[in-house]
N, C-alpha and C. Protein backbone atom coordinates (compact mmCIF):
# COMPACT_ATOMS: atom_id res chain seq x y z
N MET A 1 89.34 96.42 102.87
CA MET A 1 89.66 95.35 101.98
C MET A 1 89.01 95.56 100.61
N ASN A 2 88.52 96.75 100.38
CA ASN A 2 87.93 97.07 99.09
C ASN A 2 88.95 97.75 98.20
N SER A 3 88.71 97.66 96.92
CA SER A 3 89.51 98.34 95.92
C SER A 3 89.08 99.80 95.86
N SER A 4 89.92 100.62 95.28
CA SER A 4 89.56 102.03 95.12
C SER A 4 88.49 102.24 94.07
N THR A 5 88.47 101.39 93.04
CA THR A 5 87.52 101.59 91.95
C THR A 5 86.64 100.39 91.66
N ARG A 6 86.93 99.26 92.29
CA ARG A 6 86.18 98.04 91.98
C ARG A 6 85.28 97.66 93.15
N SER A 7 84.03 97.42 92.84
CA SER A 7 83.10 96.98 93.88
C SER A 7 82.22 95.88 93.29
N PRO A 8 82.14 94.74 93.88
CA PRO A 8 82.91 94.32 95.05
C PRO A 8 84.32 93.88 94.66
N TYR A 9 85.20 93.85 95.61
CA TYR A 9 86.60 93.46 95.42
C TYR A 9 86.92 92.30 96.33
N PHE A 10 86.82 92.53 97.64
CA PHE A 10 87.10 91.49 98.61
C PHE A 10 86.05 90.39 98.52
N GLY A 11 86.50 89.15 98.48
CA GLY A 11 85.58 88.02 98.44
C GLY A 11 85.08 87.69 97.04
N THR A 12 85.58 88.39 96.02
CA THR A 12 85.18 88.13 94.64
C THR A 12 86.28 87.32 93.96
N SER A 13 85.94 86.18 93.38
CA SER A 13 86.95 85.30 92.79
C SER A 13 87.74 85.98 91.67
N THR A 14 87.15 86.94 90.99
CA THR A 14 87.84 87.68 89.93
C THR A 14 89.11 88.33 90.46
N TYR A 15 89.09 88.74 91.72
CA TYR A 15 90.22 89.46 92.31
C TYR A 15 90.97 88.64 93.37
N ALA A 16 90.85 87.33 93.30
CA ALA A 16 91.51 86.47 94.29
C ALA A 16 93.02 86.58 94.25
N ASP A 17 93.59 86.93 93.11
CA ASP A 17 95.04 87.05 92.97
C ASP A 17 95.52 88.49 93.04
N TYR A 18 94.69 89.36 93.56
CA TYR A 18 95.04 90.78 93.71
C TYR A 18 95.41 91.03 95.17
N PRO A 19 96.18 92.10 95.43
CA PRO A 19 96.57 92.36 96.82
C PRO A 19 95.38 92.73 97.70
N VAL A 20 95.45 92.30 98.93
CA VAL A 20 94.49 92.73 99.94
C VAL A 20 94.84 94.17 100.28
N THR A 21 93.84 95.03 100.36
CA THR A 21 94.07 96.44 100.65
C THR A 21 93.15 96.89 101.78
N ASN A 22 93.29 98.14 102.15
CA ASN A 22 92.47 98.74 103.22
C ASN A 22 92.61 98.01 104.54
N VAL A 23 93.84 97.65 104.87
CA VAL A 23 94.09 97.00 106.15
C VAL A 23 95.05 97.84 106.97
N SER A 24 94.83 97.88 108.24
CA SER A 24 95.73 98.57 109.16
C SER A 24 96.96 97.70 109.40
N TRP A 25 97.96 98.27 110.05
CA TRP A 25 99.16 97.51 110.40
C TRP A 25 98.78 96.31 111.28
N SER A 26 97.91 96.52 112.26
CA SER A 26 97.52 95.44 113.17
C SER A 26 96.78 94.33 112.43
N GLN A 27 95.93 94.69 111.48
CA GLN A 27 95.23 93.67 110.71
C GLN A 27 96.20 92.88 109.83
N ALA A 28 97.16 93.56 109.24
CA ALA A 28 98.16 92.88 108.43
C ALA A 28 98.98 91.93 109.29
N ARG A 29 99.42 92.39 110.43
CA ARG A 29 100.21 91.54 111.33
C ARG A 29 99.39 90.34 111.80
N ALA A 30 98.14 90.56 112.16
CA ALA A 30 97.28 89.46 112.63
C ALA A 30 97.09 88.41 111.53
N PHE A 31 96.90 88.84 110.30
CA PHE A 31 96.74 87.89 109.21
C PHE A 31 98.00 87.06 109.03
N CYS A 32 99.16 87.71 109.02
CA CYS A 32 100.42 86.98 108.87
C CYS A 32 100.58 85.96 109.99
N GLU A 33 100.29 86.35 111.21
CA GLU A 33 100.40 85.42 112.34
C GLU A 33 99.43 84.25 112.18
N TRP A 34 98.22 84.51 111.70
CA TRP A 34 97.24 83.46 111.46
C TRP A 34 97.77 82.45 110.44
N GLU A 35 98.57 82.94 109.48
CA GLU A 35 99.18 82.08 108.46
C GLU A 35 100.45 81.39 108.99
N GLY A 36 100.84 81.68 110.23
CA GLY A 36 102.09 81.12 110.76
C GLY A 36 103.31 81.86 110.23
N LYS A 37 103.11 83.09 109.81
CA LYS A 37 104.17 83.91 109.24
C LYS A 37 104.24 85.23 110.01
N ARG A 38 104.92 86.23 109.43
CA ARG A 38 105.05 87.53 110.06
C ARG A 38 105.26 88.59 109.00
N LEU A 39 105.13 89.86 109.39
CA LEU A 39 105.49 90.95 108.50
C LEU A 39 107.02 91.01 108.43
N PRO A 40 107.58 91.35 107.28
CA PRO A 40 109.03 91.48 107.20
C PRO A 40 109.50 92.72 107.95
N THR A 41 110.74 92.69 108.41
CA THR A 41 111.32 93.93 108.93
C THR A 41 111.59 94.84 107.74
N GLU A 42 111.81 96.10 108.03
CA GLU A 42 112.11 97.04 106.96
C GLU A 42 113.41 96.65 106.25
N ALA A 43 114.40 96.21 107.00
CA ALA A 43 115.67 95.80 106.40
C ALA A 43 115.49 94.56 105.52
N GLU A 44 114.70 93.61 105.95
CA GLU A 44 114.43 92.43 105.12
C GLU A 44 113.72 92.83 103.83
N TRP A 45 112.74 93.72 103.97
CA TRP A 45 111.99 94.17 102.80
C TRP A 45 112.94 94.81 101.79
N GLU A 46 113.79 95.72 102.27
CA GLU A 46 114.69 96.42 101.36
C GLU A 46 115.70 95.49 100.72
N LYS A 47 116.22 94.53 101.46
CA LYS A 47 117.16 93.57 100.86
C LYS A 47 116.45 92.75 99.79
N ALA A 48 115.22 92.32 100.04
CA ALA A 48 114.47 91.57 99.04
C ALA A 48 114.25 92.41 97.78
N ALA A 49 114.08 93.73 97.95
CA ALA A 49 113.86 94.63 96.81
C ALA A 49 115.14 94.94 96.06
N ARG A 50 116.24 95.13 96.77
CA ARG A 50 117.47 95.62 96.14
C ARG A 50 118.52 94.56 95.88
N GLY A 51 118.44 93.45 96.56
CA GLY A 51 119.48 92.43 96.44
C GLY A 51 120.60 92.68 97.43
N SER A 52 121.64 91.91 97.32
CA SER A 52 122.73 91.99 98.30
C SER A 52 123.65 93.18 98.08
N SER A 53 123.65 93.79 96.88
CA SER A 53 124.56 94.90 96.63
C SER A 53 124.07 96.20 97.25
N ASP A 54 122.74 96.34 97.47
CA ASP A 54 122.14 97.50 98.13
C ASP A 54 122.38 98.81 97.40
N THR A 55 122.56 98.76 96.09
CA THR A 55 122.78 99.99 95.35
C THR A 55 121.73 100.26 94.28
N ARG A 56 120.87 99.32 93.99
CA ARG A 56 119.86 99.51 92.94
C ARG A 56 118.86 100.58 93.34
N LYS A 57 118.48 101.38 92.39
CA LYS A 57 117.47 102.41 92.65
C LYS A 57 116.08 101.78 92.71
N TYR A 58 115.84 100.80 91.86
CA TYR A 58 114.56 100.08 91.79
C TYR A 58 114.85 98.58 91.85
N PRO A 59 113.88 97.75 92.11
CA PRO A 59 114.14 96.31 92.17
C PRO A 59 114.79 95.76 90.90
N TRP A 60 114.43 96.26 89.72
CA TRP A 60 114.95 95.75 88.45
C TRP A 60 116.28 96.38 88.07
N GLY A 61 116.72 97.41 88.77
CA GLY A 61 117.97 98.09 88.45
C GLY A 61 117.82 99.59 88.56
N ASP A 62 118.57 100.32 87.76
CA ASP A 62 118.57 101.79 87.84
C ASP A 62 117.76 102.47 86.75
N SER A 63 117.28 101.72 85.77
CA SER A 63 116.47 102.35 84.72
C SER A 63 115.13 102.81 85.29
N ASN A 64 114.63 103.91 84.74
CA ASN A 64 113.38 104.48 85.24
C ASN A 64 112.22 103.50 85.11
N PRO A 65 111.26 103.62 86.00
CA PRO A 65 110.10 102.73 85.91
C PRO A 65 109.25 103.05 84.67
N ASP A 66 108.54 102.05 84.22
CA ASP A 66 107.52 102.23 83.20
C ASP A 66 106.44 101.20 83.49
N CYS A 67 105.38 101.24 82.73
CA CYS A 67 104.22 100.38 83.02
C CYS A 67 104.44 98.91 82.66
N THR A 68 105.65 98.54 82.19
CA THR A 68 105.97 97.12 82.00
C THR A 68 106.70 96.55 83.22
N LYS A 69 107.17 97.44 84.10
CA LYS A 69 107.94 97.01 85.27
C LYS A 69 107.19 97.20 86.58
N SER A 70 106.23 98.13 86.60
CA SER A 70 105.60 98.51 87.87
C SER A 70 104.24 99.14 87.60
N ASN A 71 103.33 98.93 88.52
CA ASN A 71 102.02 99.58 88.48
C ASN A 71 102.11 100.83 89.35
N TYR A 72 102.32 101.98 88.72
CA TYR A 72 102.48 103.23 89.45
C TYR A 72 101.86 104.34 88.63
N TYR A 73 102.01 105.56 89.06
CA TYR A 73 101.42 106.72 88.38
C TYR A 73 102.49 107.41 87.56
N LEU A 74 102.35 107.37 86.24
CA LEU A 74 103.29 108.06 85.36
C LEU A 74 102.66 109.40 84.99
N LEU A 75 102.09 109.53 83.83
CA LEU A 75 101.31 110.71 83.49
C LEU A 75 99.84 110.47 83.84
N SER A 76 99.53 109.23 83.94
CA SER A 76 98.27 108.75 84.51
C SER A 76 98.62 107.38 85.08
N SER A 77 97.74 106.79 85.83
CA SER A 77 98.05 105.48 86.42
C SER A 77 98.19 104.44 85.33
N CYS A 78 99.12 103.51 85.52
CA CYS A 78 99.29 102.42 84.56
C CYS A 78 98.00 101.63 84.43
N ILE A 79 97.38 101.32 85.52
CA ILE A 79 96.15 100.53 85.54
C ILE A 79 94.98 101.36 86.09
N GLY A 80 95.27 102.24 87.03
CA GLY A 80 94.22 103.05 87.65
C GLY A 80 93.67 102.40 88.91
N ASP A 81 94.29 101.33 89.35
CA ASP A 81 93.90 100.60 90.56
C ASP A 81 94.95 99.51 90.77
N THR A 82 94.71 98.64 91.70
CA THR A 82 95.63 97.52 91.91
C THR A 82 95.62 96.60 90.69
N ASN A 83 96.65 95.78 90.57
CA ASN A 83 96.74 94.80 89.50
C ASN A 83 97.05 93.44 90.11
N ARG A 84 96.82 92.41 89.34
CA ARG A 84 97.08 91.03 89.78
C ARG A 84 98.52 90.91 90.28
N VAL A 85 98.72 90.24 91.39
CA VAL A 85 100.05 90.00 91.95
C VAL A 85 100.88 89.22 90.93
N GLY A 86 102.12 89.65 90.72
CA GLY A 86 103.02 88.98 89.79
C GLY A 86 102.85 89.37 88.33
N SER A 87 102.20 90.48 88.06
CA SER A 87 101.95 90.92 86.68
C SER A 87 103.15 91.58 86.01
N TYR A 88 104.23 91.84 86.74
CA TYR A 88 105.36 92.58 86.19
C TYR A 88 106.67 91.81 86.35
N PRO A 89 106.84 90.69 85.63
CA PRO A 89 108.07 89.90 85.79
C PRO A 89 109.34 90.69 85.44
N SER A 90 109.25 91.68 84.53
CA SER A 90 110.44 92.47 84.21
C SER A 90 110.80 93.45 85.33
N GLY A 91 109.94 93.57 86.34
CA GLY A 91 110.21 94.43 87.48
C GLY A 91 110.65 93.66 88.72
N ALA A 92 110.95 92.36 88.56
CA ALA A 92 111.35 91.53 89.71
C ALA A 92 112.69 91.97 90.27
N SER A 93 112.87 91.71 91.56
CA SER A 93 114.13 92.04 92.23
C SER A 93 115.20 91.00 91.86
N PRO A 94 116.46 91.22 92.27
CA PRO A 94 117.51 90.24 91.98
C PRO A 94 117.20 88.85 92.55
N TYR A 95 116.38 88.80 93.60
CA TYR A 95 115.99 87.51 94.18
C TYR A 95 114.74 86.94 93.54
N GLY A 96 114.21 87.63 92.53
CA GLY A 96 113.00 87.17 91.87
C GLY A 96 111.71 87.56 92.58
N VAL A 97 111.80 88.44 93.57
CA VAL A 97 110.62 88.87 94.32
C VAL A 97 109.85 89.87 93.48
N MET A 98 108.55 89.64 93.37
CA MET A 98 107.71 90.45 92.49
C MET A 98 107.01 91.56 93.28
N ASP A 99 106.63 92.60 92.56
CA ASP A 99 105.78 93.67 93.08
C ASP A 99 106.38 94.44 94.25
N MET A 100 107.68 94.65 94.21
CA MET A 100 108.33 95.41 95.27
C MET A 100 108.27 96.92 95.00
N ALA A 101 107.83 97.30 93.82
CA ALA A 101 107.68 98.71 93.46
C ALA A 101 106.30 98.91 92.84
N GLY A 102 105.50 99.73 93.46
CA GLY A 102 104.17 100.00 92.92
C GLY A 102 103.14 98.96 93.34
N ASN A 103 102.00 99.01 92.73
CA ASN A 103 100.81 98.22 93.02
C ASN A 103 100.24 98.65 94.37
N VAL A 104 100.79 98.18 95.50
CA VAL A 104 100.36 98.69 96.80
C VAL A 104 101.56 98.92 97.71
N TYR A 105 101.46 99.95 98.54
CA TYR A 105 102.42 100.11 99.64
C TYR A 105 102.31 98.87 100.51
N GLU A 106 103.40 98.49 101.16
CA GLU A 106 103.39 97.31 102.01
C GLU A 106 103.82 97.67 103.43
N TRP A 107 102.98 97.27 104.39
CA TRP A 107 103.34 97.42 105.79
C TRP A 107 104.55 96.55 106.09
N VAL A 108 105.48 97.06 106.87
CA VAL A 108 106.56 96.25 107.42
C VAL A 108 106.44 96.30 108.94
N ASN A 109 107.19 95.49 109.61
CA ASN A 109 107.04 95.34 111.05
C ASN A 109 107.53 96.54 111.86
N ASP A 110 108.44 97.31 111.32
CA ASP A 110 109.16 98.33 112.08
C ASP A 110 108.33 99.55 112.49
N TRP A 111 108.70 100.07 113.66
CA TRP A 111 108.32 101.43 114.01
C TRP A 111 109.19 102.35 113.18
N TYR A 112 108.72 103.55 112.90
CA TYR A 112 109.50 104.51 112.15
C TYR A 112 110.45 105.26 113.08
N GLY A 113 111.68 105.38 112.64
CA GLY A 113 112.68 106.20 113.31
C GLY A 113 113.47 106.94 112.25
N ASP A 114 113.40 108.24 112.19
CA ASP A 114 114.04 108.97 111.09
C ASP A 114 115.56 108.83 111.09
N ARG A 115 116.16 108.60 112.24
CA ARG A 115 117.62 108.45 112.32
C ARG A 115 118.04 107.03 112.72
N TYR A 116 117.12 106.10 112.72
CA TYR A 116 117.42 104.75 113.21
C TYR A 116 118.60 104.12 112.47
N TYR A 117 118.64 104.24 111.15
CA TYR A 117 119.68 103.52 110.40
C TYR A 117 121.07 104.11 110.57
N SER A 118 121.18 105.30 111.13
CA SER A 118 122.51 105.84 111.41
C SER A 118 123.08 105.26 112.71
N VAL A 119 122.24 104.64 113.52
CA VAL A 119 122.70 104.07 114.79
C VAL A 119 122.36 102.58 114.92
N SER A 120 121.79 102.00 113.90
CA SER A 120 121.34 100.60 113.98
C SER A 120 122.51 99.64 113.84
N PRO A 121 122.30 98.39 114.26
CA PRO A 121 123.32 97.38 113.99
C PRO A 121 123.50 97.22 112.47
N SER A 122 124.69 96.89 112.04
CA SER A 122 124.94 96.75 110.60
C SER A 122 124.39 95.45 110.04
N VAL A 123 124.10 94.50 110.89
CA VAL A 123 123.55 93.21 110.46
C VAL A 123 122.16 93.02 111.05
N ASP A 124 121.19 92.78 110.21
CA ASP A 124 119.81 92.45 110.59
C ASP A 124 119.18 93.44 111.57
N PRO A 125 119.14 94.72 111.23
CA PRO A 125 118.48 95.69 112.13
C PRO A 125 116.99 95.39 112.23
N GLN A 126 116.46 95.49 113.42
CA GLN A 126 115.05 95.15 113.68
C GLN A 126 114.15 96.36 113.81
N GLY A 127 114.70 97.55 113.65
CA GLY A 127 113.91 98.77 113.78
C GLY A 127 113.84 99.22 115.22
N PRO A 128 113.37 100.44 115.43
CA PRO A 128 113.24 100.97 116.80
C PRO A 128 112.30 100.09 117.63
N SER A 129 112.53 100.05 118.93
CA SER A 129 111.69 99.20 119.79
C SER A 129 110.34 99.82 120.11
N THR A 130 110.22 101.12 119.94
CA THR A 130 108.93 101.79 120.18
C THR A 130 108.76 102.92 119.19
N GLY A 131 107.58 103.47 119.16
CA GLY A 131 107.32 104.60 118.29
C GLY A 131 105.83 104.89 118.20
N GLN A 132 105.49 105.85 117.39
CA GLN A 132 104.09 106.19 117.16
C GLN A 132 103.66 105.92 115.73
N LEU A 133 104.62 105.85 114.82
CA LEU A 133 104.33 105.65 113.41
C LEU A 133 104.96 104.35 112.93
N ARG A 134 104.32 103.71 111.98
CA ARG A 134 104.85 102.49 111.35
C ARG A 134 105.34 102.83 109.95
N VAL A 135 106.01 101.88 109.32
CA VAL A 135 106.63 102.12 108.02
C VAL A 135 105.90 101.35 106.92
N LEU A 136 105.72 102.03 105.79
CA LEU A 136 105.23 101.42 104.56
C LEU A 136 106.35 101.51 103.53
N ARG A 137 106.47 100.49 102.69
CA ARG A 137 107.51 100.47 101.65
C ARG A 137 106.89 100.13 100.30
N GLY A 138 107.57 100.52 99.22
CA GLY A 138 107.24 100.06 97.89
C GLY A 138 106.42 100.95 96.99
N GLY A 139 105.85 102.01 97.50
CA GLY A 139 105.02 102.85 96.64
C GLY A 139 103.71 102.16 96.27
N ALA A 140 102.93 102.78 95.41
CA ALA A 140 101.63 102.23 95.06
C ALA A 140 101.20 102.69 93.68
N TRP A 141 100.13 102.12 93.21
CA TRP A 141 99.61 102.39 91.86
C TRP A 141 99.26 103.86 91.64
N ASN A 142 98.99 104.60 92.69
CA ASN A 142 98.56 105.99 92.54
C ASN A 142 99.63 106.98 93.03
N TYR A 143 100.90 106.57 93.01
CA TYR A 143 102.01 107.43 93.42
C TYR A 143 103.04 107.53 92.31
N PHE A 144 103.76 108.66 92.28
CA PHE A 144 104.73 108.95 91.24
C PHE A 144 106.03 108.18 91.42
N GLU A 145 106.87 108.29 90.38
CA GLU A 145 108.14 107.58 90.28
C GLU A 145 109.04 107.63 91.52
N PRO A 146 109.31 108.78 92.14
CA PRO A 146 110.23 108.79 93.28
C PRO A 146 109.77 107.88 94.44
N VAL A 147 108.50 107.68 94.56
CA VAL A 147 107.95 106.91 95.68
C VAL A 147 108.11 105.40 95.48
N VAL A 148 108.32 104.94 94.25
CA VAL A 148 108.50 103.50 94.03
C VAL A 148 109.96 103.08 94.08
N ARG A 149 110.86 104.02 94.42
CA ARG A 149 112.27 103.66 94.64
C ARG A 149 112.39 102.68 95.80
N SER A 150 113.33 101.78 95.72
CA SER A 150 113.51 100.77 96.77
C SER A 150 113.84 101.36 98.13
N ALA A 151 114.48 102.52 98.17
CA ALA A 151 114.88 103.13 99.43
C ALA A 151 113.81 104.02 100.05
N TYR A 152 112.72 104.29 99.32
CA TYR A 152 111.71 105.22 99.83
C TYR A 152 110.95 104.62 101.01
N ARG A 153 110.79 105.44 102.04
CA ARG A 153 110.08 105.02 103.26
C ARG A 153 108.95 106.00 103.52
N LEU A 154 107.81 105.47 103.92
CA LEU A 154 106.68 106.31 104.30
C LEU A 154 106.31 105.98 105.73
N GLU A 155 106.28 107.00 106.57
CA GLU A 155 105.88 106.81 107.97
C GLU A 155 104.42 107.22 108.11
N ILE A 156 103.65 106.42 108.84
CA ILE A 156 102.22 106.66 108.93
C ILE A 156 101.65 105.99 110.18
N THR A 157 100.53 106.50 110.65
CA THR A 157 99.89 105.90 111.82
C THR A 157 99.53 104.44 111.52
N PRO A 158 99.73 103.54 112.46
CA PRO A 158 99.42 102.13 112.21
C PRO A 158 97.92 101.85 112.04
N LEU A 159 97.08 102.82 112.32
CA LEU A 159 95.64 102.65 112.17
C LEU A 159 95.16 102.97 110.75
N ALA A 160 96.02 103.58 109.95
CA ALA A 160 95.63 104.04 108.62
C ALA A 160 95.32 102.88 107.68
N THR A 161 94.31 103.07 106.86
CA THR A 161 93.96 102.11 105.81
C THR A 161 93.70 102.88 104.53
N SER A 162 93.88 102.22 103.39
CA SER A 162 93.52 102.83 102.10
C SER A 162 93.60 101.76 101.03
N GLY A 163 93.05 102.09 99.87
CA GLY A 163 93.08 101.18 98.73
C GLY A 163 94.43 101.08 98.08
N SER A 164 95.42 101.80 98.60
CA SER A 164 96.77 101.70 98.06
C SER A 164 97.74 101.11 99.08
N ARG A 165 97.22 100.55 100.16
CA ARG A 165 98.08 99.96 101.19
C ARG A 165 97.72 98.51 101.42
N GLY A 166 98.74 97.68 101.44
CA GLY A 166 98.56 96.25 101.66
C GLY A 166 99.73 95.70 102.47
N PHE A 167 100.10 94.47 102.20
CA PHE A 167 101.18 93.84 102.95
C PHE A 167 101.61 92.56 102.26
N ARG A 168 102.73 92.02 102.71
CA ARG A 168 103.16 90.67 102.34
C ARG A 168 103.67 90.01 103.62
N CYS A 169 103.53 88.73 103.68
CA CYS A 169 103.99 87.96 104.84
C CYS A 169 105.27 87.21 104.47
N VAL A 170 106.11 86.97 105.46
CA VAL A 170 107.31 86.17 105.28
C VAL A 170 107.31 85.05 106.30
N ARG A 171 108.08 84.03 106.00
CA ARG A 171 108.16 82.91 106.95
C ARG A 171 108.78 83.36 108.25
N SER A 172 108.28 82.85 109.35
CA SER A 172 108.87 83.17 110.65
C SER A 172 110.23 82.49 110.75
N GLN A 173 111.14 83.12 111.47
CA GLN A 173 112.49 82.54 111.61
C GLN A 173 112.57 81.64 112.81
């Protein structure tokens, strides 16, 4: 729950509006459940990022990212660490969802399946029922442009933590 460059981070009022980081998939899920919410599915996450047309390269459209739309790594990091949640209104998705590209990778509920979407239901896919790796979406402050694309998926052990990984919760259905 610490920042990569800021100490202290967790529990400091200065960073109360910054993403929680250094949490495993299980910790992220437990927090969402404690809030009466849940982690989004990968399909829900991507729809929130791309909108209903499912063709946008980035949440804001097809234009390349810059430091006014996303906190990511260009020639150097835009910020060099996480930034306050909601700092990039020009990078909002068609639904107005903020921070879907950059700042921190976000855990989603799904197990990773490299071919899952070629065999998944066309409506509301829930991801594979089992697996060894979980999915992160959205890229992060210390990753390059291709990684902040809305379609980019990162598969990783659910035990992994880092200052560039966080989560968002959604209302339970």
